[in-house]
PDB file of all heavy atoms in Angstrom:
ATOM      1  N   ASN A   1      13.570  -4.606  -9.847  1.00  0.00           N
ATOM      2  CA  ASN A   1      13.509  -5.301 -11.202  1.00  0.00           C
ATOM      3  C   ASN A   1      12.692  -6.587 -11.084  1.00  0.00           C
ATOM      4  O   ASN A   1      12.222  -6.985 -10.050  1.00  0.00           O
ATOM      5  CB  ASN A   1      14.919  -5.470 -11.802  1.00  0.00           C
ATOM      6  CG  ASN A   1      15.838  -6.288 -10.842  1.00  0.00           C
ATOM      7  OD1 ASN A   1      15.337  -7.238 -10.159  1.00  0.00           O
ATOM      8  ND2 ASN A   1      17.036  -5.939 -10.734  1.00  0.00           N
ATOM      9  N   SER A   2      12.719  -7.286 -12.198  1.00  0.00           N
ATOM     10  CA  SER A   2      11.929  -8.622 -12.206  1.00  0.00           C
ATOM     11  C   SER A   2      12.519  -9.559 -11.048  1.00  0.00           C
ATOM     12  O   SER A   2      11.601 -10.252 -10.457  1.00  0.00           O
ATOM     13  CB  SER A   2      11.946  -9.163 -13.507  1.00  0.00           C
ATOM     14  OG  SER A   2      11.256  -8.424 -14.460  1.00  0.00           O
ATOM     15  N   GLU A   3      13.763  -9.716 -11.031  1.00  0.00           N
ATOM     16  CA  GLU A   3      14.345 -10.662 -10.075  1.00  0.00           C
ATOM     17  C   GLU A   3      14.030 -10.331  -8.641  1.00  0.00           C
ATOM     18  O   GLU A   3      13.714 -11.094  -7.842  1.00  0.00           O
ATOM     19  CB  GLU A   3      15.777 -10.833 -10.337  1.00  0.00           C
ATOM     20  CG  GLU A   3      16.102 -11.774 -11.533  1.00  0.00           C
ATOM     21  CD  GLU A   3      15.538 -13.220 -11.419  1.00  0.00           C
ATOM     22  OE1 GLU A   3      15.767 -13.877 -10.482  1.00  0.00           O
ATOM     23  OE2 GLU A   3      14.652 -13.552 -12.181  1.00  0.00           O
ATOM     24  N   SER A   4      14.335  -9.019  -8.295  1.00  0.00           N
ATOM     25  CA  SER A   4      14.061  -8.619  -6.957  1.00  0.00           C
ATOM     26  C   SER A   4      12.560  -8.753  -6.569  1.00  0.00           C
ATOM     27  O   SER A   4      12.319  -8.996  -5.394  1.00  0.00           O
ATOM     28  CB  SER A   4      14.569  -7.201  -6.655  1.00  0.00           C
ATOM     29  OG  SER A   4      13.819  -6.156  -7.403  1.00  0.00           O
ATOM     30  N   PHE A   5      11.666  -8.467  -7.513  1.00  0.00           N
ATOM     31  CA  PHE A   5      10.288  -8.577  -7.375  1.00  0.00           C
ATOM     32  C   PHE A   5       9.850 -10.040  -7.047  1.00  0.00           C
ATOM     33  O   PHE A   5       9.204 -10.289  -6.152  1.00  0.00           O
ATOM     34  CB  PHE A   5       9.605  -7.991  -8.499  1.00  0.00           C
ATOM     35  CG  PHE A   5       8.157  -8.060  -8.500  1.00  0.00           C
ATOM     36  CD1 PHE A   5       7.379  -7.774  -7.342  1.00  0.00           C
ATOM     37  CD2 PHE A   5       7.409  -8.292  -9.772  1.00  0.00           C
ATOM     38  CE1 PHE A   5       6.000  -7.740  -7.172  1.00  0.00           C
ATOM     39  CE2 PHE A   5       5.920  -8.330  -9.664  1.00  0.00           C
ATOM     40  CZ  PHE A   5       5.362  -8.052  -8.541  1.00  0.00           C
ATOM     41  N   ARG A   6      10.362 -10.973  -7.928  1.00  0.00           N
ATOM     42  CA  ARG A   6      10.054 -12.358  -7.803  1.00  0.00           C
ATOM     43  C   ARG A   6      10.584 -12.925  -6.459  1.00  0.00           C
ATOM     44  O   ARG A   6       9.851 -13.662  -5.756  1.00  0.00           O
ATOM     45  CB  ARG A   6      10.589 -13.162  -8.920  1.00  0.00           C
ATOM     46  CG  ARG A   6      10.258 -14.752  -8.833  1.00  0.00           C
ATOM     47  CD  ARG A   6      10.667 -15.414 -10.119  1.00  0.00           C
ATOM     48  NE  ARG A   6      12.105 -15.718 -10.091  1.00  0.00           N
ATOM     49  CZ  ARG A   6      12.586 -16.865  -9.342  1.00  0.00           C
ATOM     50  NH1 ARG A   6      11.738 -17.732  -8.731  1.00  0.00           N
ATOM     51  NH2 ARG A   6      13.952 -17.054  -9.305  1.00  0.00           N
ATOM     52  N   HIS A   7      11.781 -12.554  -5.991  1.00  0.00           N
ATOM     53  CA  HIS A   7      12.431 -13.146  -4.827  1.00  0.00           C
ATOM     54  C   HIS A   7      11.937 -12.265  -3.560  1.00  0.00           C
ATOM     55  O   HIS A   7      12.334 -12.772  -2.422  1.00  0.00           O
ATOM     56  CB  HIS A   7      13.844 -13.016  -4.803  1.00  0.00           C
ATOM     57  CG  HIS A   7      14.436 -14.119  -5.756  1.00  0.00           C
ATOM     58  ND1 HIS A   7      14.743 -13.977  -7.133  1.00  0.00           N
ATOM     59  CD2 HIS A   7      14.820 -15.450  -5.525  1.00  0.00           C
ATOM     60  CE1 HIS A   7      15.268 -15.044  -7.655  1.00  0.00           C
ATOM     61  NE2 HIS A   7      15.178 -16.028  -6.684  1.00  0.00           N
ATOM     62  N   CYS A   8      11.170 -11.244  -3.828  1.00  0.00           N
ATOM     63  CA  CYS A   8      10.687 -10.425  -2.693  1.00  0.00           C
ATOM     64  C   CYS A   8      11.760  -9.948  -1.834  1.00  0.00           C
ATOM     65  O   CYS A   8      11.725  -9.924  -0.586  1.00  0.00           O
ATOM     66  CB  CYS A   8       9.610 -11.246  -1.830  1.00  0.00           C
ATOM     67  SG  CYS A   8       8.578 -10.203  -0.846  1.00  0.00           S
ATOM     68  N   ASN A   9      12.808  -9.492  -2.382  1.00  0.00           N
ATOM     69  CA  ASN A   9      14.014  -8.944  -1.676  1.00  0.00           C
ATOM     70  C   ASN A   9      14.346  -7.558  -2.173  1.00  0.00           C
ATOM     71  O   ASN A   9      15.546  -7.006  -1.818  1.00  0.00           O
ATOM     72  CB  ASN A   9      15.222  -9.841  -1.691  1.00  0.00           C
ATOM     73  CG  ASN A   9      15.747 -10.055  -3.205  1.00  0.00           C
ATOM     74  OD1 ASN A   9      15.241  -9.426  -4.107  1.00  0.00           O
ATOM     75  ND2 ASN A   9      16.660 -11.004  -3.317  1.00  0.00           N
ATOM     76  N   PHE A  10      13.396  -6.757  -2.724  1.00  0.00           N
ATOM     77  CA  PHE A  10      13.650  -5.435  -3.182  1.00  0.00           C
ATOM     78  C   PHE A  10      13.566  -4.502  -2.025  1.00  0.00           C
ATOM     79  O   PHE A  10      13.158  -4.860  -0.805  1.00  0.00           O
ATOM     80  CB  PHE A  10      12.618  -4.916  -4.199  1.00  0.00           C
ATOM     81  CG  PHE A  10      11.198  -5.122  -3.679  1.00  0.00           C
ATOM     82  CD1 PHE A  10      10.472  -4.266  -2.942  1.00  0.00           C
ATOM     83  CD2 PHE A  10      10.511  -6.242  -4.023  1.00  0.00           C
ATOM     84  CE1 PHE A  10       9.246  -4.350  -2.549  1.00  0.00           C
ATOM     85  CE2 PHE A  10       9.218  -6.453  -3.467  1.00  0.00           C
ATOM     86  CZ  PHE A  10       8.609  -5.556  -2.825  1.00  0.00           C
ATOM     87  N   ARG A  11      14.269  -3.334  -2.021  1.00  0.00           N
ATOM     88  CA  ARG A  11      14.326  -2.525  -0.956  1.00  0.00           C
ATOM     89  C   ARG A  11      13.015  -1.786  -0.787  1.00  0.00           C
ATOM     90  O   ARG A  11      12.358  -1.324  -1.804  1.00  0.00           O
ATOM     91  CB  ARG A  11      15.363  -1.271  -1.382  1.00  0.00           C
ATOM     92  CG  ARG A  11      15.506  -0.111  -0.211  1.00  0.00           C
ATOM     93  CD  ARG A  11      15.989  -0.651   0.962  1.00  0.00           C
ATOM     94  NE  ARG A  11      15.955   0.426   2.032  1.00  0.00           N
ATOM     95  CZ  ARG A  11      16.869   1.293   2.316  1.00  0.00           C
ATOM     96  NH1 ARG A  11      18.106   1.345   1.469  1.00  0.00           N
ATOM     97  NH2 ARG A  11      16.818   2.097   3.233  1.00  0.00           N
ATOM     98  N   GLU A  12      12.401  -1.629   0.322  1.00  0.00           N
ATOM     99  CA  GLU A  12      11.181  -1.177   0.685  1.00  0.00           C
ATOM    100  C   GLU A  12      11.351   0.008   1.670  1.00  0.00           C
ATOM    101  O   GLU A  12      11.793  -0.139   2.664  1.00  0.00           O
ATOM    102  CB  GLU A  12      10.227  -2.208   1.199  1.00  0.00           C
ATOM    103  CG  GLU A  12       8.866  -1.520   1.697  1.00  0.00           C
ATOM    104  CD  GLU A  12       7.912  -1.248   0.622  1.00  0.00           C
ATOM    105  OE1 GLU A  12       7.400  -2.272  -0.119  1.00  0.00           O
ATOM    106  OE2 GLU A  12       7.905   0.053   0.242  1.00  0.00           O
ATOM    107  N   TYR A  13      11.048   1.212   1.100  1.00  0.00           N
ATOM    108  CA  TYR A  13      11.146   2.440   1.971  1.00  0.00           C
ATOM    109  C   TYR A  13       9.829   2.720   2.628  1.00  0.00           C
ATOM    110  O   TYR A  13       9.821   3.448   3.709  1.00  0.00           O
ATOM    111  CB  TYR A  13      11.473   3.627   1.102  1.00  0.00           C
ATOM    112  CG  TYR A  13      12.965   3.396   0.477  1.00  0.00           C
ATOM    113  CD1 TYR A  13      13.155   2.917  -0.749  1.00  0.00           C
ATOM    114  CD2 TYR A  13      14.092   3.813   1.152  1.00  0.00           C
ATOM    115  CE1 TYR A  13      14.236   2.749  -1.331  1.00  0.00           C
ATOM    116  CE2 TYR A  13      15.284   3.889   0.591  1.00  0.00           C
ATOM    117  CZ  TYR A  13      15.421   3.260  -0.676  1.00  0.00           C
ATOM    118  OH  TYR A  13      16.676   3.176  -1.253  1.00  0.00           O
ATOM    119  N   GLY A  14       8.681   2.359   2.144  1.00  0.00           N
ATOM    120  CA  GLY A  14       7.408   2.834   2.660  1.00  0.00           C
ATOM    121  C   GLY A  14       6.861   1.886   3.600  1.00  0.00           C
ATOM    122  O   GLY A  14       7.329   0.732   3.898  1.00  0.00           O
ATOM    123  N   ASP A  15       5.863   2.388   4.186  1.00  0.00           N
ATOM    124  CA  ASP A  15       5.122   1.422   5.198  1.00  0.00           C
ATOM    125  C   ASP A  15       3.496   1.405   4.787  1.00  0.00           C
ATOM    126  O   ASP A  15       2.586   1.599   5.661  1.00  0.00           O
ATOM    127  CB  ASP A  15       5.218   1.923   6.681  1.00  0.00           C
ATOM    128  CG  ASP A  15       4.727   3.335   6.876  1.00  0.00           C
ATOM    129  OD1 ASP A  15       4.118   3.979   5.897  1.00  0.00           O
ATOM    130  OD2 ASP A  15       4.795   3.950   8.005  1.00  0.00           O
ATOM    131  N   PHE A  16       3.386   1.068   3.617  1.00  0.00           N
ATOM    132  CA  PHE A  16       1.980   1.067   3.034  1.00  0.00           C
ATOM    133  C   PHE A  16       1.560  -0.315   2.710  1.00  0.00           C
ATOM    134  O   PHE A  16       0.287  -0.592   2.382  1.00  0.00           O
ATOM    135  CB  PHE A  16       1.936   2.057   1.804  1.00  0.00           C
ATOM    136  CG  PHE A  16       2.133   3.457   2.177  1.00  0.00           C
ATOM    137  CD1 PHE A  16       3.418   3.915   1.879  1.00  0.00           C
ATOM    138  CD2 PHE A  16       1.315   4.310   2.841  1.00  0.00           C
ATOM    139  CE1 PHE A  16       3.909   5.324   2.177  1.00  0.00           C
ATOM    140  CE2 PHE A  16       1.750   5.662   3.198  1.00  0.00           C
ATOM    141  CZ  PHE A  16       2.945   6.080   2.919  1.00  0.00           C
ATOM    142  N   ALA A  17       2.420  -1.160   2.394  1.00  0.00           N
ATOM    143  CA  ALA A  17       2.129  -2.473   1.759  1.00  0.00           C
ATOM    144  C   ALA A  17       1.309  -3.408   2.576  1.00  0.00           C
ATOM    145  O   ALA A  17       0.525  -4.330   2.196  1.00  0.00           O
ATOM    146  CB  ALA A  17       3.413  -3.106   1.200  1.00  0.00           C
ATOM    147  N   ASN A  18       1.595  -3.304   4.010  1.00  0.00           N
ATOM    148  CA  ASN A  18       0.891  -4.255   4.822  1.00  0.00           C
ATOM    149  C   ASN A  18       0.417  -3.555   6.201  1.00  0.00           C
ATOM    150  O   ASN A  18       0.272  -4.243   7.162  1.00  0.00           O
ATOM    151  CB  ASN A  18       1.850  -5.468   5.249  1.00  0.00           C
ATOM    152  CG  ASN A  18       3.131  -4.922   6.071  1.00  0.00           C
ATOM    153  OD1 ASN A  18       3.343  -3.731   6.269  1.00  0.00           O
ATOM    154  ND2 ASN A  18       3.769  -5.755   6.519  1.00  0.00           N
ATOM    155  N   GLN A  19       0.177  -2.338   6.064  1.00  0.00           N
ATOM    156  CA  GLN A  19      -0.366  -1.534   7.101  1.00  0.00           C
ATOM    157  C   GLN A  19      -1.841  -1.058   6.830  1.00  0.00           C
ATOM    158  O   GLN A  19      -2.280  -0.898   5.799  1.00  0.00           O
ATOM    159  CB  GLN A  19       0.601  -0.403   7.555  1.00  0.00           C
ATOM    160  CG  GLN A  19       1.901  -0.743   7.860  1.00  0.00           C
ATOM    161  CD  GLN A  19       1.956  -1.701   9.091  1.00  0.00           C
ATOM    162  OE1 GLN A  19       1.374  -1.115  10.164  1.00  0.00           O
ATOM    163  NE2 GLN A  19       2.552  -2.775   9.035  1.00  0.00           N
ATOM    164  N   PRO A  20      -2.636  -0.814   7.889  1.00  0.00           N
ATOM    165  CA  PRO A  20      -3.963  -0.357   7.740  1.00  0.00           C
ATOM    166  C   PRO A  20      -4.110   1.138   7.349  1.00  0.00           C
ATOM    167  O   PRO A  20      -3.254   1.948   7.585  1.00  0.00           O
ATOM    168  CB  PRO A  20      -4.575  -0.507   9.170  1.00  0.00           C
ATOM    169  CG  PRO A  20      -3.527  -0.422  10.069  1.00  0.00           C
ATOM    170  CD  PRO A  20      -2.320  -1.085   9.358  1.00  0.00           C
ATOM    171  N   PHE A  21      -5.194   1.400   6.655  1.00  0.00           N
ATOM    172  CA  PHE A  21      -5.524   2.805   6.200  1.00  0.00           C
ATOM    173  C   PHE A  21      -6.861   3.192   6.662  1.00  0.00           C
ATOM    174  O   PHE A  21      -7.721   2.337   7.091  1.00  0.00           O
ATOM    175  CB  PHE A  21      -5.690   2.671   4.671  1.00  0.00           C
ATOM    176  CG  PHE A  21      -4.388   2.869   3.810  1.00  0.00           C
ATOM    177  CD1 PHE A  21      -3.422   1.857   3.967  1.00  0.00           C
ATOM    178  CD2 PHE A  21      -4.356   3.703   2.813  1.00  0.00           C
ATOM    179  CE1 PHE A  21      -2.223   1.881   3.257  1.00  0.00           C
ATOM    180  CE2 PHE A  21      -3.208   3.794   2.034  1.00  0.00           C
ATOM    181  CZ  PHE A  21      -2.191   2.860   2.224  1.00  0.00           C
ATOM    182  N   GLU A  22      -6.878   4.521   7.042  1.00  0.00           N
ATOM    183  CA  GLU A  22      -8.222   5.102   7.381  1.00  0.00           C
ATOM    184  C   GLU A  22      -9.140   5.057   5.998  1.00  0.00           C
ATOM    185  O   GLU A  22      -8.497   5.129   4.978  1.00  0.00           O
ATOM    186  CB  GLU A  22      -8.154   6.492   7.809  1.00  0.00           C
ATOM    187  CG  GLU A  22      -7.281   6.621   9.218  1.00  0.00           C
ATOM    188  CD  GLU A  22      -7.952   5.624  10.322  1.00  0.00           C
ATOM    189  OE1 GLU A  22      -9.165   5.822  10.410  1.00  0.00           O
ATOM    190  OE2 GLU A  22      -7.165   4.956  10.999  1.00  0.00           O
ATOM    191  N   SER A  23     -10.420   5.000   6.144  1.00  0.00           N
ATOM    192  CA  SER A  23     -11.286   4.837   5.092  1.00  0.00           C
ATOM    193  C   SER A  23     -12.558   5.459   5.176  1.00  0.00           C
ATOM    194  O   SER A  23     -12.989   5.816   6.380  1.00  0.00           O
ATOM    195  CB  SER A  23     -11.368   3.284   4.746  1.00  0.00           C
ATOM    196  OG  SER A  23     -12.048   2.627   5.844  1.00  0.00           O
ATOM    197  N   SER A  24     -13.233   5.765   4.035  1.00  0.00           N
ATOM    198  CA  SER A  24     -14.544   6.352   4.060  1.00  0.00           C
ATOM    199  C   SER A  24     -15.188   5.949   2.832  1.00  0.00           C
ATOM    200  O   SER A  24     -14.530   5.602   1.933  1.00  0.00           O
ATOM    201  CB  SER A  24     -14.488   7.827   4.210  1.00  0.00           C
ATOM    202  OG  SER A  24     -13.737   8.452   3.146  1.00  0.00           O
ATOM    203  N   MET A  25     -16.567   6.002   2.743  1.00  0.00           N
ATOM    204  CA  MET A  25     -17.240   5.443   1.759  1.00  0.00           C
ATOM    205  C   MET A  25     -18.387   6.568   1.214  1.00  0.00           C
ATOM    206  O   MET A  25     -19.124   7.160   2.153  1.00  0.00           O
ATOM    207  CB  MET A  25     -17.976   4.164   1.921  1.00  0.00           C
ATOM    208  CG  MET A  25     -18.848   3.447   0.942  1.00  0.00           C
ATOM    209  SD  MET A  25     -19.564   2.003   1.372  1.00  0.00           S
ATOM    210  CE  MET A  25     -20.744   2.533   2.625  1.00  0.00           C
ATOM    211  N   GLY A  26     -18.441   6.718  -0.012  1.00  0.00           N
ATOM    212  CA  GLY A  26     -19.510   7.749  -0.475  1.00  0.00           C
ATOM    213  C   GLY A  26     -20.414   6.880  -1.387  1.00  0.00           C
ATOM    214  O   GLY A  26     -20.564   5.585  -1.066  1.00  0.00           O
ATOM    215  N   LYS A  27     -21.249   7.587  -2.137  1.00  0.00           N
ATOM    216  CA  LYS A  27     -22.322   6.864  -2.863  1.00  0.00           C
ATOM    217  C   LYS A  27     -21.768   5.858  -3.827  1.00  0.00           C
ATOM    218  O   LYS A  27     -22.272   4.768  -3.963  1.00  0.00           O
ATOM    219  CB  LYS A  27     -23.225   7.833  -3.482  1.00  0.00           C
ATOM    220  CG  LYS A  27     -24.541   7.232  -4.256  1.00  0.00           C
ATOM    221  CD  LYS A  27     -25.291   8.332  -4.901  1.00  0.00           C
ATOM    222  CE  LYS A  27     -26.518   7.724  -5.748  1.00  0.00           C
ATOM    223  NZ  LYS A  27     -27.429   8.682  -6.282  1.00  0.00           N
ATOM    224  N   ASN A  28     -20.754   6.103  -4.577  1.00  0.00           N
ATOM    225  CA  ASN A  28     -20.117   5.268  -5.477  1.00  0.00           C
ATOM    226  C   ASN A  28     -18.641   5.305  -5.502  1.00  0.00           C
ATOM    227  O   ASN A  28     -17.977   5.037  -6.474  1.00  0.00           O
ATOM    228  CB  ASN A  28     -20.653   5.549  -6.925  1.00  0.00           C
ATOM    229  CG  ASN A  28     -20.212   4.504  -7.940  1.00  0.00           C
ATOM    230  OD1 ASN A  28     -20.266   3.348  -7.694  1.00  0.00           O
ATOM    231  ND2 ASN A  28     -19.659   5.004  -9.096  1.00  0.00           N
ATOM    232  N   HIS A  29     -17.944   5.640  -4.283  1.00  0.00           N
ATOM    233  CA  HIS A  29     -16.568   5.675  -4.245  1.00  0.00           C
ATOM    234  C   HIS A  29     -16.155   5.277  -2.865  1.00  0.00           C
ATOM    235  O   HIS A  29     -16.872   5.382  -1.824  1.00  0.00           O
ATOM    236  CB  HIS A  29     -15.980   7.078  -4.685  1.00  0.00           C
ATOM    237  CG  HIS A  29     -16.273   8.142  -3.610  1.00  0.00           C
ATOM    238  ND1 HIS A  29     -17.390   8.802  -3.691  1.00  0.00           N
ATOM    239  CD2 HIS A  29     -15.644   8.536  -2.584  1.00  0.00           C
ATOM    240  CE1 HIS A  29     -17.542   9.788  -2.656  1.00  0.00           C
ATOM    241  NE2 HIS A  29     -16.246   9.591  -2.036  1.00  0.00           N
ATOM    242  N   ILE A  30     -14.789   4.785  -2.754  1.00  0.00           N
ATOM    243  CA  ILE A  30     -14.153   4.497  -1.491  1.00  0.00           C
ATOM    244  C   ILE A  30     -12.845   5.243  -1.491  1.00  0.00           C
ATOM    245  O   ILE A  30     -12.160   5.416  -2.408  1.00  0.00           O
ATOM    246  CB  ILE A  30     -13.824   2.936  -1.350  1.00  0.00           C
ATOM    247  CG1 ILE A  30     -15.123   2.147  -1.701  1.00  0.00           C
ATOM    248  CG2 ILE A  30     -13.432   2.724   0.144  1.00  0.00           C
ATOM    249  CD1 ILE A  30     -14.738   0.694  -1.835  1.00  0.00           C
ATOM    250  N   THR A  31     -12.572   5.746  -0.303  1.00  0.00           N
ATOM    251  CA  THR A  31     -11.259   6.634  -0.064  1.00  0.00           C
ATOM    252  C   THR A  31     -10.489   5.899   1.018  1.00  0.00           C
ATOM    253  O   THR A  31     -11.128   5.623   2.041  1.00  0.00           O
ATOM    254  CB  THR A  31     -11.500   8.004   0.157  1.00  0.00           C
ATOM    255  OG1 THR A  31     -12.186   8.633  -0.884  1.00  0.00           O
ATOM    256  CG2 THR A  31     -10.184   8.814   0.352  1.00  0.00           C
ATOM    257  N   PHE A  32      -9.167   5.696   0.675  1.00  0.00           N
ATOM    258  CA  PHE A  32      -8.333   5.135   1.585  1.00  0.00           C
ATOM    259  C   PHE A  32      -7.197   6.171   1.948  1.00  0.00           C
ATOM    260  O   PHE A  32      -6.672   6.645   0.895  1.00  0.00           O
ATOM    261  CB  PHE A  32      -7.723   3.787   1.290  1.00  0.00           C
ATOM    262  CG  PHE A  32      -8.762   2.652   1.173  1.00  0.00           C
ATOM    263  CD1 PHE A  32      -9.182   2.310  -0.248  1.00  0.00           C
ATOM    264  CD2 PHE A  32      -9.135   2.015   2.231  1.00  0.00           C
ATOM    265  CE1 PHE A  32     -10.251   1.311  -0.281  1.00  0.00           C
ATOM    266  CE2 PHE A  32     -10.116   1.073   2.185  1.00  0.00           C
ATOM    267  CZ  PHE A  32     -10.717   0.573   0.881  1.00  0.00           C
ATOM    268  N   VAL A  33      -6.836   6.401   3.093  1.00  0.00           N
ATOM    269  CA  VAL A  33      -5.795   7.366   3.459  1.00  0.00           C
ATOM    270  C   VAL A  33      -4.842   6.865   4.496  1.00  0.00           C
ATOM    271  O   VAL A  33      -5.249   6.362   5.469  1.00  0.00           O
ATOM    272  CB  VAL A  33      -6.278   8.721   3.953  1.00  0.00           C
ATOM    273  CG1 VAL A  33      -5.184   9.664   4.253  1.00  0.00           C
ATOM    274  CG2 VAL A  33      -7.126   9.359   2.857  1.00  0.00           C
ATOM    275  N   ARG A  34      -3.505   6.933   4.285  1.00  0.00           N
ATOM    276  CA  ARG A  34      -2.515   6.608   5.283  1.00  0.00           C
ATOM    277  C   ARG A  34      -1.482   7.633   5.547  1.00  0.00           C
ATOM    278  O   ARG A  34      -0.837   8.011   4.474  1.00  0.00           O
ATOM    279  CB  ARG A  34      -1.841   5.232   5.080  1.00  0.00           C
ATOM    280  CG  ARG A  34      -0.803   4.880   6.282  1.00  0.00           C
ATOM    281  CD  ARG A  34      -0.251   3.525   5.995  1.00  0.00           C
ATOM    282  NE  ARG A  34       0.750   3.283   6.854  1.00  0.00           N
ATOM    283  CZ  ARG A  34       0.742   3.051   8.263  1.00  0.00           C
ATOM    284  NH1 ARG A  34      -0.608   2.870   8.700  1.00  0.00           N
ATOM    285  NH2 ARG A  34       1.678   2.837   9.073  1.00  0.00           N
ATOM    286  N   ASN A  35      -1.351   8.157   6.626  1.00  0.00           N
ATOM    287  CA  ASN A  35      -0.230   9.296   6.868  1.00  0.00           C
ATOM    288  C   ASN A  35       0.832   8.330   7.394  1.00  0.00           C
ATOM    289  O   ASN A  35       0.947   8.002   8.656  1.00  0.00           O
ATOM    290  CB  ASN A  35      -0.722  10.168   7.889  1.00  0.00           C
ATOM    291  CG  ASN A  35      -1.751  11.208   7.413  1.00  0.00           C
ATOM    292  OD1 ASN A  35      -1.426  11.928   6.336  1.00  0.00           O
ATOM    293  ND2 ASN A  35      -2.930  11.181   7.870  1.00  0.00           N
ATOM    294  N   GLY A  36       1.704   7.813   6.467  1.00  0.00           N
ATOM    295  CA  GLY A  36       2.796   7.014   6.911  1.00  0.00           C
ATOM    296  C   GLY A  36       4.088   7.661   6.762  1.00  0.00           C
ATOM    297  O   GLY A  36       4.254   8.856   7.091  1.00  0.00           O
TER     298      GLY A  36
END
């Protein structure tokens, strides 16, 4: 909710917010993938 968001104390289940992604680039697009 708004309060947990502001205080940065919400429950985090994933490992995507601060981890690297594999990436590739096309003519006009970028793709990022993470097997987390």
